[in-house]
Amino acid sequence: MKKRCVEVLSNEDTYDRDLRRLCLLISRR
């Protein structure tokens, strides 16, 4: 999941904001 989040954050245009927000929450743990 975290690996996927890195991808999401690096490709902001491809993914929606909700997914990015979720990833930020996960990465904070």
PDB file of N, CA and C in Angstrom:
ATOM      1  N   MET A   1       0.834  -1.209   0.000  1.00  0.00           N
ATOM      2  CA  MET A   1       0.000   0.000   0.000  1.00  0.00           C
ATOM      3  C   MET A   1       0.866   1.256   0.000  1.00  0.00           C
ATOM      4  N   LYS A   2       1.857   1.261   0.867  1.00  0.00           N
ATOM      5  CA  LYS A   2       2.726   2.446   0.942  1.00  0.00           C
ATOM      6  C   LYS A   2       3.437   2.702  -0.380  1.00  0.00           C
ATOM      7  N   LYS A   3       3.882   1.637  -1.000  1.00  0.00           N
ATOM      8  CA  LYS A   3       4.573   1.760  -2.280  1.00  0.00           C
ATOM      9  C   LYS A   3       3.658   2.429  -3.304  1.00  0.00           C
ATOM     10  N   ARG A   4       2.407   2.020  -3.275  1.00  0.00           N
ATOM     11  CA  ARG A   4       1.416   2.571  -4.188  1.00  0.00           C
ATOM     12  C   ARG A   4       1.211   4.052  -3.904  1.00  0.00           C
ATOM     13  N   CYS A   5       1.243   4.399  -2.636  1.00  0.00           N
ATOM     14  CA  CYS A   5       1.044   5.790  -2.230  1.00  0.00           C
ATOM     15  C   CYS A   5       2.164   6.675  -2.751  1.00  0.00           C
ATOM     16  N   VAL A   6       3.363   6.168  -2.737  1.00  0.00           N
ATOM     17  CA  VAL A   6       4.492   6.929  -3.273  1.00  0.00           C
ATOM     18  C   VAL A   6       4.229   7.241  -4.740  1.00  0.00           C
ATOM     19  N   GLU A   7       3.693   6.261  -5.428  1.00  0.00           N
ATOM     20  CA  GLU A   7       3.353   6.426  -6.844  1.00  0.00           C
ATOM     21  C   GLU A   7       2.273   7.493  -7.004  1.00  0.00           C
ATOM     22  N   VAL A   8       1.286   7.417  -6.140  1.00  0.00           N
ATOM     23  CA  VAL A   8       0.172   8.369  -6.176  1.00  0.00           C
ATOM     24  C   VAL A   8       0.673   9.789  -5.968  1.00  0.00           C
ATOM     25  N   LEU A   9       1.522   9.962  -4.970  1.00  0.00           N
ATOM     26  CA  LEU A   9       2.016  11.297  -4.638  1.00  0.00           C
ATOM     27  C   LEU A   9       2.934  11.848  -5.720  1.00  0.00           C
ATOM     28  N   SER A  10       3.624  10.966  -6.412  1.00  0.00           N
ATOM     29  CA  SER A  10       4.537  11.427  -7.457  1.00  0.00           C
ATOM     30  C   SER A  10       3.791  11.757  -8.746  1.00  0.00           C
ATOM     31  N   ASN A  11       2.610  11.167  -8.918  1.00  0.00           N
ATOM     32  CA  ASN A  11       1.798  11.434 -10.112  1.00  0.00           C
ATOM     33  C   ASN A  11       0.481  12.096  -9.720  1.00  0.00           C
ATOM     34  N   GLU A  12       0.571  13.325  -9.317  1.00  0.00           N
ATOM     35  CA  GLU A  12      -0.605  14.026  -8.794  1.00  0.00           C
ATOM     36  C   GLU A  12      -1.747  14.137  -9.803  1.00  0.00           C
ATOM     37  N   ASP A  13      -1.411  14.277 -11.059  1.00  0.00           N
ATOM     38  CA  ASP A  13      -2.446  14.481 -12.078  1.00  0.00           C
ATOM     39  C   ASP A  13      -3.290  13.225 -12.304  1.00  0.00           C
ATOM     40  N   THR A  14      -2.668  12.079 -12.120  1.00  0.00           N
ATOM     41  CA  THR A  14      -3.343  10.829 -12.439  1.00  0.00           C
ATOM     42  C   THR A  14      -4.341  10.409 -11.375  1.00  0.00           C
ATOM     43  N   TYR A  15      -4.075  10.808 -10.132  1.00  0.00           N
ATOM     44  CA  TYR A  15      -4.932  10.351  -9.038  1.00  0.00           C
ATOM     45  C   TYR A  15      -5.741  11.493  -8.435  1.00  0.00           C
ATOM     46  N   ASP A  16      -6.833  11.130  -7.780  1.00  0.00           N
ATOM     47  CA  ASP A  16      -7.699  12.149  -7.192  1.00  0.00           C
ATOM     48  C   ASP A  16      -7.209  12.553  -5.803  1.00  0.00           C
ATOM     49  N   ARG A  17      -7.751  13.644  -5.332  1.00  0.00           N
ATOM     50  CA  ARG A  17      -7.294  14.215  -4.061  1.00  0.00           C
ATOM     51  C   ARG A  17      -7.608  13.318  -2.868  1.00  0.00           C
ATOM     52  N   ASP A  18      -8.740  12.633  -2.921  1.00  0.00           N
ATOM     53  CA  ASP A  18      -9.129  11.769  -1.802  1.00  0.00           C
ATOM     54  C   ASP A  18      -8.102  10.656  -1.588  1.00  0.00           C
ATOM     55  N   LEU A  19      -7.641  10.107  -2.685  1.00  0.00           N
ATOM     56  CA  LEU A  19      -6.659   9.029  -2.590  1.00  0.00           C
ATOM     57  C   LEU A  19      -5.353   9.551  -2.009  1.00  0.00           C
ATOM     58  N   ARG A  20      -4.962  10.728  -2.447  1.00  0.00           N
ATOM     59  CA  ARG A  20      -3.728  11.334  -1.923  1.00  0.00           C
ATOM     60  C   ARG A  20      -3.847  11.606  -0.435  1.00  0.00           C
ATOM     61  N   ARG A  21      -5.013  12.073  -0.038  1.00  0.00           N
ATOM     62  CA  ARG A  21      -5.238  12.383   1.381  1.00  0.00           C
ATOM     63  C   ARG A  21      -5.127  11.110   2.216  1.00  0.00           C
ATOM     64  N   LEU A  22      -5.711  10.037   1.683  1.00  0.00           N
ATOM     65  CA  LEU A  22      -5.651   8.750   2.368  1.00  0.00           C
ATOM     66  C   LEU A  22      -4.198   8.295   2.510  1.00  0.00           C
ATOM     67  N   CYS A  23      -3.444   8.473   1.457  1.00  0.00           N
ATOM     68  CA  CYS A  23      -2.036   8.084   1.471  1.00  0.00           C
ATOM     69  C   CYS A  23      -1.248   8.890   2.489  1.00  0.00           C
ATOM     70  N   LEU A  24      -1.562  10.159   2.597  1.00  0.00           N
ATOM     71  CA  LEU A  24      -0.872  10.997   3.579  1.00  0.00           C
ATOM     72  C   LEU A  24      -1.149  10.509   4.989  1.00  0.00           C
ATOM     73  N   LEU A  25      -2.367  10.110   5.231  1.00  0.00           N
ATOM     74  CA  LEU A  25      -2.731   9.596   6.555  1.00  0.00           C
ATOM     75  C   LEU A  25      -1.968   8.306   6.859  1.00  0.00           C
ATOM     76  N   ILE A  26      -1.864   7.458   5.867  1.00  0.00           N
ATOM     77  CA  ILE A  26      -1.162   6.183   6.038  1.00  0.00           C
ATOM     78  C   ILE A  26       0.326   6.406   6.283  1.00  0.00           C
ATOM     79  N   SER A  27       0.910   7.326   5.547  1.00  0.00           N
ATOM     80  CA  SER A  27       2.351   7.568   5.661  1.00  0.00           C
ATOM     81  C   SER A  27       2.729   8.207   6.995  1.00  0.00           C
ATOM     82  N   ARG A  28       1.767   8.839   7.641  1.00  0.00           N
ATOM     83  CA  ARG A  28       2.054   9.486   8.926  1.00  0.00           C
ATOM     84  C   ARG A  28       2.220   8.490  10.060  1.00  0.00           C
ATOM     85  N   ARG A  29       1.604   7.326   9.928  1.00  0.00           N
ATOM     86  CA  ARG A  29       1.660   6.334  11.007  1.00  0.00           C
ATOM     87  C   ARG A  29       3.068   5.837  11.261  1.00  0.00           C
TER      88      ARG A  29
END
